Protein backbone atom coordinates (compact mmCIF):
# COMPACT_ATOMS: atom_id res chain seq x y z
CA MET A 1 -106.33 -112.32 99.08
CA ARG A 2 -107.25 -108.77 100.01
CA PHE A 3 -107.41 -105.94 97.46
CA THR A 4 -107.87 -102.26 98.30
CA ILE A 5 -109.40 -99.78 95.75
CA ASP A 6 -110.48 -96.09 96.07
CA LEU A 7 -113.98 -95.50 94.73
CA SER A 8 -115.87 -92.24 94.09
CA ASN A 9 -118.80 -91.60 96.32
CA GLU A 10 -121.15 -92.19 93.38
CA ILE A 11 -119.74 -95.68 92.55
CA ASN A 12 -119.72 -96.56 96.39
CA GLU A 13 -123.28 -95.57 96.60
CA LYS A 14 -124.28 -97.50 93.48
CA LEU A 15 -122.31 -100.43 94.66
CA SER A 16 -124.01 -100.37 98.08
CA SER A 17 -127.40 -100.09 96.40
CA ILE A 18 -126.79 -103.04 94.16
CA ALA A 19 -125.57 -105.15 97.11
CA GLU A 20 -128.61 -104.20 99.13
CA GLN A 21 -131.04 -104.89 96.23
CA SER A 22 -129.47 -108.25 95.60
CA GLY A 23 -129.22 -109.29 99.31
CA THR A 24 -125.41 -109.66 99.19
CA THR A 25 -122.25 -107.83 100.09
CA LYS A 26 -120.30 -105.18 98.10
CA ALA A 27 -117.46 -107.66 97.92
CA GLU A 28 -119.79 -110.28 96.29
CA VAL A 29 -121.03 -107.68 93.87
CA MET A 30 -117.42 -106.95 92.83
CA ARG A 31 -116.69 -110.66 92.46
CA ARG A 32 -119.77 -111.08 90.16
CA ALA A 33 -118.77 -107.96 88.27
CA PHE A 34 -115.31 -109.45 87.68
CA ALA A 35 -116.91 -112.72 86.50
CA LEU A 36 -119.06 -110.79 84.02
CA MET A 37 -115.98 -108.92 82.75
CA ALA A 38 -114.12 -112.27 82.31
CA VAL A 39 -117.06 -113.78 80.21
CA ALA A 40 -117.22 -110.46 78.16
CA GLN A 41 -113.38 -110.60 77.46
CA ASP A 42 -113.46 -114.27 76.62
CA GLU A 43 -116.39 -113.80 74.23
CA LYS A 44 -114.87 -110.63 72.70
CA SER A 45 -111.80 -112.56 71.88
CA LYS A 46 -114.02 -115.05 69.85
CA GLY A 47 -115.71 -112.18 67.97
CA ASN A 48 -118.87 -112.33 70.07
CA SER A 49 -120.47 -109.81 72.37
CA LEU A 50 -122.74 -109.65 75.33
CA GLY A 51 -126.35 -108.69 75.05
CA ILE A 52 -129.60 -108.02 76.92
CA VAL A 53 -132.35 -110.41 76.06
CA LYS A 54 -136.06 -110.68 77.04
CA ASP A 55 -137.21 -114.17 77.85
CA LYS A 56 -140.97 -114.65 77.09
CA ASP A 57 -142.23 -118.10 77.57
CA GLY A 58 -138.81 -119.55 76.63
CA VAL A 59 -138.42 -117.40 73.51
CA LEU A 60 -135.32 -115.10 73.75
CA THR A 61 -135.45 -111.72 72.02
CA ALA A 62 -132.43 -109.64 71.64
CA ILE A 63 -133.03 -106.16 73.24
CA ALA A 64 -129.64 -104.56 73.17
CA ARG A 65 -125.89 -105.21 72.92
CA VAL A 66 -123.66 -104.34 75.80
CA VAL A 67 -120.74 -102.22 74.52
CA GLY A 68 -117.66 -101.02 76.30
CA LEU A 69 -116.93 -104.14 78.30
């Protein structure tokens, strides 16, 4: 299925940058972003949240909570 969206120049440039850095396409970046939003929504409905963690030798340390998703 095709889906057309209008993006600001700023968002389009960031999207292009992320795609280039990850060696993928802008479409794949959008698919991954959707998957992340789906996980965030599912976890939010369970009373959980997403976070940023640091992995040092298998020990995970919470760095920050992702808000606004």
